[in-house]
Amino acid sequence: MLAIQISVNIFLVLGAVIAAFGVGYMIRSVQVNSLRKKVLELESEMLRNHAEILNLQQSKANLELTIKESKIPVIPIKGKEDESSSQEAAGRKFS
């Protein structure tokens, strides 16, 4: 017969499998921690951006409110007579 006998120590194979599992676990845990750190950084950046947007919206609303409540006198550029005559002239042109 052409059979080749190989003697393998089962404890050595079991030790190699456990060592490979441990090395793989350590590599994967480093990758997971790195990705988790990136996610936390991106989340904090998004929170800062949203807070800035909310602050800008609040300041815009405050400005609109102050403009609405302000009593700034509005002086028309043209008199009432000029506006009515210009509207009538425009009406005649289009009719």
C-alpha atoms as a PDB file:
ATOM      1  CA  MET A   1       0.000   0.000   0.000  1.00  0.00           C
ATOM      2  CA  LEU A   2       0.983   3.536  -0.676  1.00  0.00           C
ATOM      3  CA  ALA A   3      -0.328   5.053   2.512  1.00  0.00           C
ATOM      4  CA  ILE A   4       1.659   7.775   4.189  1.00  0.00           C
ATOM      5  CA  GLN A   5       1.250   7.959   7.873  1.00  0.00           C
ATOM      6  CA  ILE A   6       1.198  11.445   9.392  1.00  0.00           C
ATOM      7  CA  SER A   7       1.302  11.753  13.108  1.00  0.00           C
ATOM      8  CA  VAL A   8      -0.422  14.920  14.284  1.00  0.00           C
ATOM      9  CA  ASN A   9      -0.539  16.072  17.839  1.00  0.00           C
ATOM     10  CA  ILE A  10      -4.179  17.008  18.522  1.00  0.00           C
ATOM     11  CA  PHE A  11      -3.173  19.389  21.294  1.00  0.00           C
ATOM     12  CA  LEU A  12      -0.888  21.294  18.942  1.00  0.00           C
ATOM     13  CA  VAL A  13      -3.688  21.681  16.363  1.00  0.00           C
ATOM     14  CA  LEU A  14      -6.146  22.739  19.069  1.00  0.00           C
ATOM     15  CA  GLY A  15      -3.624  25.291  20.379  1.00  0.00           C
ATOM     16  CA  ALA A  16      -3.077  26.700  16.873  1.00  0.00           C
ATOM     17  CA  VAL A  17      -6.855  27.057  16.344  1.00  0.00           C
ATOM     18  CA  ILE A  18      -7.278  28.842  19.672  1.00  0.00           C
ATOM     19  CA  ALA A  19      -4.303  31.143  18.943  1.00  0.00           C
ATOM     20  CA  ALA A  20      -5.692  31.984  15.491  1.00  0.00           C
ATOM     21  CA  PHE A  21      -9.088  32.718  17.037  1.00  0.00           C
ATOM     22  CA  GLY A  22      -7.471  34.997  19.636  1.00  0.00           C
ATOM     23  CA  VAL A  23      -5.430  36.909  17.050  1.00  0.00           C
ATOM     24  CA  GLY A  24      -8.484  37.309  14.803  1.00  0.00           C
ATOM     25  CA  TYR A  25     -10.568  38.511  17.744  1.00  0.00           C
ATOM     26  CA  MET A  26      -7.956  41.104  18.713  1.00  0.00           C
ATOM     27  CA  ILE A  27      -7.663  42.426  15.135  1.00  0.00           C
ATOM     28  CA  ARG A  28     -11.442  42.664  14.794  1.00  0.00           C
ATOM     29  CA  SER A  29     -11.833  44.398  18.174  1.00  0.00           C
ATOM     30  CA  VAL A  30      -9.270  47.027  17.108  1.00  0.00           C
ATOM     31  CA  GLN A  31     -11.250  47.611  13.881  1.00  0.00           C
ATOM     32  CA  VAL A  32     -14.557  47.847  15.771  1.00  0.00           C
ATOM     33  CA  ASN A  33     -13.130  50.324  18.277  1.00  0.00           C
ATOM     34  CA  SER A  34     -11.727  52.463  15.467  1.00  0.00           C
ATOM     35  CA  LEU A  35     -15.061  52.498  13.640  1.00  0.00           C
ATOM     36  CA  ARG A  36     -16.936  53.212  16.870  1.00  0.00           C
ATOM     37  CA  LYS A  37     -14.666  56.200  17.516  1.00  0.00           C
ATOM     38  CA  LYS A  38     -15.344  57.514  13.989  1.00  0.00           C
ATOM     39  CA  VAL A  39     -19.106  57.114  14.462  1.00  0.00           C
ATOM     40  CA  LEU A  40     -19.015  59.009  17.759  1.00  0.00           C
ATOM     41  CA  GLU A  41     -16.962  61.777  16.141  1.00  0.00           C
ATOM     42  CA  LEU A  42     -19.431  62.071  13.251  1.00  0.00           C
ATOM     43  CA  GLU A  43     -22.396  62.078  15.638  1.00  0.00           C
ATOM     44  CA  SER A  44     -20.874  64.894  17.682  1.00  0.00           C
ATOM     45  CA  GLU A  45     -20.174  66.849  14.480  1.00  0.00           C
ATOM     46  CA  MET A  46     -23.793  66.383  13.376  1.00  0.00           C
ATOM     47  CA  LEU A  47     -25.021  67.578  16.776  1.00  0.00           C
ATOM     48  CA  ARG A  48     -22.829  70.674  16.546  1.00  0.00           C
ATOM     49  CA  ASN A  49     -24.085  71.390  13.036  1.00  0.00           C
ATOM     50  CA  HIS A  50     -27.712  70.964  14.064  1.00  0.00           C
ATOM     51  CA  ALA A  51     -27.189  73.212  17.077  1.00  0.00           C
ATOM     52  CA  GLU A  52     -25.651  75.875  14.839  1.00  0.00           C
ATOM     53  CA  ILE A  53     -28.583  75.624  12.416  1.00  0.00           C
ATOM     54  CA  LEU A  54     -31.051  75.973  15.276  1.00  0.00           C
ATOM     55  CA  ASN A  55     -29.192  79.018  16.591  1.00  0.00           C
ATOM     56  CA  LEU A  56     -29.251  80.608  13.141  1.00  0.00           C
ATOM     57  CA  GLN A  57     -32.971  79.912  12.786  1.00  0.00           C
ATOM     58  CA  GLN A  58     -33.613  81.418  16.203  1.00  0.00           C
ATOM     59  CA  SER A  59     -31.629  84.554  15.383  1.00  0.00           C
ATOM     60  CA  LYS A  60     -33.487  84.846  12.051  1.00  0.00           C
ATOM     61  CA  ALA A  61     -36.823  84.549  13.828  1.00  0.00           C
ATOM     62  CA  ASN A  62     -35.734  87.195  16.340  1.00  0.00           C
ATOM     63  CA  LEU A  63     -34.679  89.544  13.541  1.00  0.00           C
ATOM     64  CA  GLU A  64     -37.971  89.031  11.713  1.00  0.00           C
ATOM     65  CA  LEU A  65     -39.847  89.727  14.945  1.00  0.00           C
ATOM     66  CA  THR A  66     -37.913  92.926  15.618  1.00  0.00           C
ATOM     67  CA  ILE A  67     -38.466  94.099  12.046  1.00  0.00           C
ATOM     68  CA  LYS A  68     -42.167  93.295  12.305  1.00  0.00           C
ATOM     69  CA  GLU A  69     -42.547  95.118  15.630  1.00  0.00           C
ATOM     70  CA  SER A  70     -40.363  98.097  14.751  1.00  0.00           C
ATOM     71  CA  LYS A  71     -42.080 101.387  14.044  1.00  0.00           C
ATOM     72  CA  ILE A  72     -39.876 102.627  11.259  1.00  0.00           C
ATOM     73  CA  PRO A  73     -41.702 105.244   9.223  1.00  0.00           C
ATOM     74  CA  VAL A  74     -42.031 104.356   5.560  1.00  0.00           C
ATOM     75  CA  ILE A  75     -41.829 107.315   3.209  1.00  0.00           C
ATOM     76  CA  PRO A  76     -43.185 106.630  -0.273  1.00  0.00           C
ATOM     77  CA  ILE A  77     -40.925 107.605  -3.150  1.00  0.00           C
ATOM     78  CA  LYS A  78     -43.794 108.682  -5.393  1.00  0.00           C
ATOM     79  CA  GLY A  79     -46.818 110.650  -4.346  1.00  0.00           C
ATOM     80  CA  LYS A  80     -50.332 109.221  -4.487  1.00  0.00           C
ATOM     81  CA  GLU A  81     -51.156 111.215  -7.593  1.00  0.00           C
ATOM     82  CA  ASP A  82     -48.156 109.840  -9.477  1.00  0.00           C
ATOM     83  CA  GLU A  83     -49.075 106.228  -8.612  1.00  0.00           C
ATOM     84  CA  SER A  84     -52.705 106.516  -9.741  1.00  0.00           C
ATOM     85  CA  SER A  85     -51.781 108.230 -13.022  1.00  0.00           C
ATOM     86  CA  SER A  86     -49.068 105.645 -13.752  1.00  0.00           C
ATOM     87  CA  GLN A  87     -51.509 102.784 -13.079  1.00  0.00           C
ATOM     88  CA  GLU A  88     -54.089 104.325 -15.403  1.00  0.00           C
ATOM     89  CA  ALA A  89     -51.478 104.843 -18.109  1.00  0.00           C
ATOM     90  CA  ALA A  90     -50.361 101.219 -17.734  1.00  0.00           C
ATOM     91  CA  GLY A  91     -53.983 100.083 -17.969  1.00  0.00           C
ATOM     92  CA  ARG A  92     -54.464 101.997 -21.189  1.00  0.00           C
ATOM     93  CA  LYS A  93     -51.336 100.526 -22.744  1.00  0.00           C
ATOM     94  CA  PHE A  94     -52.389  96.923 -22.132  1.00  0.00           C
ATOM     95  CA  SER A  95     -56.050  97.327 -23.092  1.00  0.00           C
END
